[in-house]
N, C-alpha and C. Protein backbone atom coordinates (compact mmCIF):
# COMPACT_ATOMS: atom_id res chain seq x y z
N UNK A 1 -183.81 -52.89 -2.13
CA UNK A 1 -182.57 -53.40 -1.59
C UNK A 1 -181.73 -52.20 -1.18
N UNK A 2 -181.07 -52.28 -0.03
CA UNK A 2 -180.32 -51.15 0.49
C UNK A 2 -178.95 -51.59 0.95
N UNK A 3 -178.07 -50.63 1.19
CA UNK A 3 -176.76 -50.95 1.75
C UNK A 3 -176.52 -50.11 3.00
N UNK A 4 -175.45 -50.43 3.74
CA UNK A 4 -175.26 -49.90 5.08
C UNK A 4 -174.49 -48.61 5.20
N UNK A 5 -174.02 -48.34 6.44
CA UNK A 5 -173.32 -47.11 6.80
C UNK A 5 -171.87 -47.41 7.13
N UNK A 6 -171.10 -46.37 7.42
CA UNK A 6 -169.68 -46.52 7.72
C UNK A 6 -169.44 -46.47 9.22
N UNK A 7 -168.77 -47.51 9.75
CA UNK A 7 -168.38 -47.58 11.16
C UNK A 7 -167.00 -48.19 11.24
N UNK A 8 -166.21 -47.80 12.26
CA UNK A 8 -164.93 -48.47 12.44
C UNK A 8 -165.14 -49.71 13.30
N UNK A 9 -164.08 -50.51 13.46
CA UNK A 9 -164.21 -51.79 14.16
C UNK A 9 -164.67 -51.61 15.59
N UNK A 10 -164.21 -50.59 16.28
CA UNK A 10 -164.63 -50.35 17.67
C UNK A 10 -166.11 -50.02 17.74
N UNK A 11 -166.61 -49.22 16.81
CA UNK A 11 -168.03 -48.87 16.80
C UNK A 11 -168.90 -50.10 16.56
N UNK A 12 -168.47 -50.96 15.65
CA UNK A 12 -169.23 -52.18 15.37
C UNK A 12 -169.25 -53.07 16.60
N UNK A 13 -168.11 -53.27 17.23
CA UNK A 13 -168.05 -54.12 18.42
C UNK A 13 -168.83 -53.52 19.58
N UNK A 14 -168.79 -52.21 19.74
CA UNK A 14 -169.54 -51.56 20.82
C UNK A 14 -171.04 -51.74 20.60
N UNK A 15 -171.49 -51.62 19.38
CA UNK A 15 -172.92 -51.76 19.08
C UNK A 15 -173.41 -53.19 19.32
N UNK A 16 -172.52 -54.16 19.18
CA UNK A 16 -172.92 -55.56 19.39
C UNK A 16 -172.63 -56.03 20.80
N UNK A 17 -172.07 -55.17 21.65
CA UNK A 17 -171.77 -55.56 23.02
C UNK A 17 -170.52 -56.41 23.16
N UNK A 18 -169.68 -56.44 22.16
CA UNK A 18 -168.49 -57.29 22.19
C UNK A 18 -167.19 -56.51 22.35
N UNK A 19 -167.28 -55.23 22.63
CA UNK A 19 -166.09 -54.40 22.67
C UNK A 19 -165.12 -54.86 23.74
N UNK A 20 -165.60 -55.16 24.94
CA UNK A 20 -164.69 -55.55 26.03
C UNK A 20 -163.98 -56.86 25.73
N UNK A 21 -164.69 -57.81 25.15
CA UNK A 21 -164.07 -59.11 24.85
C UNK A 21 -163.04 -59.01 23.74
N UNK A 22 -163.16 -58.04 22.89
CA UNK A 22 -162.29 -57.97 21.71
C UNK A 22 -161.23 -56.88 21.80
N UNK A 23 -161.17 -56.14 22.88
CA UNK A 23 -160.24 -55.00 22.92
C UNK A 23 -158.79 -55.43 22.75
N UNK A 24 -158.41 -56.59 23.23
CA UNK A 24 -157.02 -57.00 23.05
C UNK A 24 -156.74 -57.46 21.63
N UNK A 25 -157.77 -57.69 20.82
CA UNK A 25 -157.58 -58.05 19.43
C UNK A 25 -157.59 -56.84 18.51
N UNK A 26 -158.05 -55.70 19.00
CA UNK A 26 -158.12 -54.49 18.18
C UNK A 26 -156.77 -53.78 18.25
N UNK A 27 -156.30 -53.38 17.11
CA UNK A 27 -155.04 -52.63 17.08
C UNK A 27 -155.21 -51.29 17.78
N UNK A 28 -154.13 -50.76 18.30
CA UNK A 28 -154.18 -49.44 18.96
C UNK A 28 -154.73 -48.38 18.00
N UNK A 29 -154.26 -48.39 16.79
CA UNK A 29 -154.81 -47.49 15.78
C UNK A 29 -156.08 -48.13 15.26
N UNK A 30 -157.17 -47.45 15.36
CA UNK A 30 -158.45 -48.00 14.93
C UNK A 30 -158.43 -48.23 13.42
N UNK A 31 -158.67 -49.46 13.03
CA UNK A 31 -158.69 -49.83 11.63
C UNK A 31 -160.08 -49.53 11.05
N UNK A 32 -160.11 -48.83 9.95
CA UNK A 32 -161.39 -48.53 9.30
C UNK A 32 -161.85 -49.74 8.51
N UNK A 33 -163.12 -50.05 8.65
CA UNK A 33 -163.73 -51.15 7.92
C UNK A 33 -164.83 -50.55 7.05
N UNK A 34 -164.84 -50.94 5.81
CA UNK A 34 -165.87 -50.45 4.90
C UNK A 34 -166.61 -51.67 4.35
N UNK A 35 -167.77 -51.92 4.93
CA UNK A 35 -168.58 -53.07 4.52
C UNK A 35 -169.74 -52.59 3.66
N UNK A 36 -170.06 -53.36 2.67
CA UNK A 36 -171.28 -53.11 1.91
C UNK A 36 -172.19 -54.30 2.19
N UNK A 37 -173.37 -53.99 2.69
CA UNK A 37 -174.35 -55.01 3.07
C UNK A 37 -175.61 -54.79 2.25
N UNK A 38 -176.14 -55.87 1.73
CA UNK A 38 -177.37 -55.81 0.95
C UNK A 38 -178.49 -56.45 1.75
N UNK A 39 -179.57 -55.72 1.91
CA UNK A 39 -180.71 -56.23 2.67
C UNK A 39 -182.00 -55.73 2.06
N UNK A 40 -183.09 -56.38 2.50
CA UNK A 40 -184.41 -55.99 2.02
C UNK A 40 -185.37 -56.01 3.21
N UNK A 41 -186.03 -54.89 3.50
CA UNK A 41 -187.01 -54.90 4.60
C UNK A 41 -188.25 -55.69 4.19
N UNK A 42 -188.77 -56.44 5.14
CA UNK A 42 -189.98 -57.22 4.90
C UNK A 42 -190.91 -57.00 6.09
N UNK A 43 -191.99 -56.28 5.88
CA UNK A 43 -192.88 -55.97 6.98
C UNK A 43 -192.27 -54.92 7.90
N UNK A 44 -192.75 -54.90 9.14
CA UNK A 44 -192.29 -53.89 10.10
C UNK A 44 -191.09 -54.33 10.92
N UNK A 45 -190.84 -55.65 11.01
CA UNK A 45 -189.81 -56.12 11.94
C UNK A 45 -188.75 -57.02 11.32
N UNK A 46 -188.92 -57.44 10.11
CA UNK A 46 -188.01 -58.40 9.50
C UNK A 46 -187.14 -57.73 8.45
N UNK A 47 -185.85 -58.03 8.50
CA UNK A 47 -184.91 -57.56 7.48
C UNK A 47 -184.20 -58.79 6.93
N UNK A 48 -184.27 -58.97 5.64
CA UNK A 48 -183.59 -60.09 4.99
C UNK A 48 -182.17 -59.69 4.63
N UNK A 49 -181.19 -60.37 5.16
CA UNK A 49 -179.80 -60.12 4.82
C UNK A 49 -179.49 -60.93 3.57
N UNK A 50 -179.19 -60.24 2.48
CA UNK A 50 -179.03 -60.88 1.18
C UNK A 50 -177.58 -61.07 0.79
N UNK A 51 -176.67 -60.37 1.43
CA UNK A 51 -175.26 -60.52 1.10
C UNK A 51 -174.46 -59.33 1.58
N UNK A 52 -173.17 -59.41 1.38
CA UNK A 52 -172.29 -58.32 1.77
C UNK A 52 -170.84 -58.66 1.45
N UNK A 53 -170.01 -57.65 1.50
CA UNK A 53 -168.58 -57.87 1.26
C UNK A 53 -167.79 -56.71 1.82
N UNK A 54 -166.48 -56.91 1.91
CA UNK A 54 -165.54 -55.89 2.39
C UNK A 54 -165.19 -54.99 1.21
N UNK A 55 -165.77 -53.81 1.19
CA UNK A 55 -165.55 -52.88 0.08
C UNK A 55 -164.12 -52.36 0.07
N UNK A 56 -163.48 -52.30 1.23
CA UNK A 56 -162.08 -51.88 1.27
C UNK A 56 -161.17 -52.88 0.58
N UNK A 57 -161.51 -54.16 0.70
CA UNK A 57 -160.71 -55.21 0.08
C UNK A 57 -161.06 -55.38 -1.40
N UNK A 58 -162.33 -55.17 -1.75
CA UNK A 58 -162.79 -55.33 -3.12
C UNK A 58 -163.50 -54.05 -3.57
N UNK A 59 -162.74 -52.98 -3.88
CA UNK A 59 -163.36 -51.68 -4.18
C UNK A 59 -163.92 -51.54 -5.60
N UNK A 60 -163.64 -52.47 -6.47
CA UNK A 60 -164.01 -52.32 -7.87
C UNK A 60 -165.50 -52.44 -8.15
N UNK A 61 -165.92 -51.78 -9.22
CA UNK A 61 -167.32 -51.80 -9.66
C UNK A 61 -167.73 -53.22 -10.08
N UNK A 62 -166.81 -53.95 -10.68
CA UNK A 62 -167.15 -55.30 -11.16
C UNK A 62 -167.57 -56.19 -9.99
N UNK A 63 -166.82 -56.15 -8.90
CA UNK A 63 -167.16 -56.94 -7.72
C UNK A 63 -168.51 -56.49 -7.16
N UNK A 64 -168.70 -55.20 -7.11
CA UNK A 64 -169.96 -54.65 -6.60
C UNK A 64 -171.14 -55.12 -7.44
N UNK A 65 -171.01 -55.07 -8.74
CA UNK A 65 -172.10 -55.49 -9.62
C UNK A 65 -172.41 -56.98 -9.48
N UNK A 66 -171.36 -57.79 -9.30
CA UNK A 66 -171.59 -59.23 -9.08
C UNK A 66 -172.30 -59.46 -7.76
N UNK A 67 -171.90 -58.74 -6.71
CA UNK A 67 -172.53 -58.89 -5.40
C UNK A 67 -173.99 -58.44 -5.44
N UNK A 68 -174.27 -57.38 -6.17
CA UNK A 68 -175.66 -56.92 -6.33
C UNK A 68 -176.48 -57.97 -7.07
N UNK A 69 -175.92 -58.56 -8.10
CA UNK A 69 -176.63 -59.59 -8.87
C UNK A 69 -176.95 -60.80 -7.98
N UNK A 70 -175.99 -61.21 -7.16
CA UNK A 70 -176.22 -62.34 -6.25
C UNK A 70 -177.32 -61.99 -5.25
N UNK A 71 -177.27 -60.79 -4.69
CA UNK A 71 -178.28 -60.36 -3.72
C UNK A 71 -179.67 -60.34 -4.36
N UNK A 72 -179.77 -59.86 -5.58
CA UNK A 72 -181.06 -59.85 -6.28
C UNK A 72 -181.57 -61.27 -6.54
N UNK A 73 -180.67 -62.17 -6.90
CA UNK A 73 -181.06 -63.57 -7.11
C UNK A 73 -181.59 -64.17 -5.81
N UNK A 74 -180.89 -63.91 -4.72
CA UNK A 74 -181.32 -64.43 -3.42
C UNK A 74 -182.69 -63.89 -3.03
N UNK A 75 -182.92 -62.61 -3.29
CA UNK A 75 -184.22 -62.02 -2.99
C UNK A 75 -185.31 -62.67 -3.84
N UNK A 76 -185.03 -62.89 -5.10
CA UNK A 76 -186.01 -63.52 -5.98
C UNK A 76 -186.33 -64.95 -5.53
N UNK A 77 -185.31 -65.71 -5.14
CA UNK A 77 -185.53 -67.07 -4.63
C UNK A 77 -186.38 -67.01 -3.37
N UNK A 78 -186.08 -66.08 -2.48
CA UNK A 78 -186.87 -65.95 -1.24
C UNK A 78 -188.32 -65.61 -1.57
N UNK A 79 -188.53 -64.71 -2.51
CA UNK A 79 -189.90 -64.34 -2.90
C UNK A 79 -190.65 -65.54 -3.48
N UNK A 80 -189.98 -66.32 -4.32
CA UNK A 80 -190.61 -67.49 -4.91
C UNK A 80 -190.99 -68.52 -3.84
N UNK A 81 -190.08 -68.76 -2.91
CA UNK A 81 -190.36 -69.72 -1.84
C UNK A 81 -191.48 -69.22 -0.94
N UNK A 82 -191.50 -67.93 -0.68
CA UNK A 82 -192.58 -67.35 0.14
C UNK A 82 -193.92 -67.50 -0.54
N UNK A 83 -193.96 -67.30 -1.85
CA UNK A 83 -195.21 -67.43 -2.60
C UNK A 83 -195.70 -68.88 -2.60
N UNK A 84 -194.77 -69.82 -2.64
CA UNK A 84 -195.13 -71.24 -2.66
C UNK A 84 -195.69 -71.68 -1.30
N UNK A 85 -195.14 -71.16 -0.22
CA UNK A 85 -195.55 -71.59 1.12
C UNK A 85 -196.68 -70.73 1.68
N UNK A 86 -196.86 -69.55 1.14
CA UNK A 86 -197.83 -68.62 1.70
C UNK A 86 -199.08 -68.59 0.97
């Protein structure tokens, strides 16, 4: 399980091709966003998104540990379902 990198709102929108549509919603001062995303690579082309949260809004270790626990549970459920169907 892994987590992501740091990008500001303009970088995220530019990477998704939505920068032009959202420029009037972005403040003049670029707001920093700190997201923590939990994912698990599966094979060569599939990435399972297991969860995430705004680390700037919830910086505490307790929130992080709960989010990690939820992501691990989701991965385990996915593995169990994959074993049943595969």
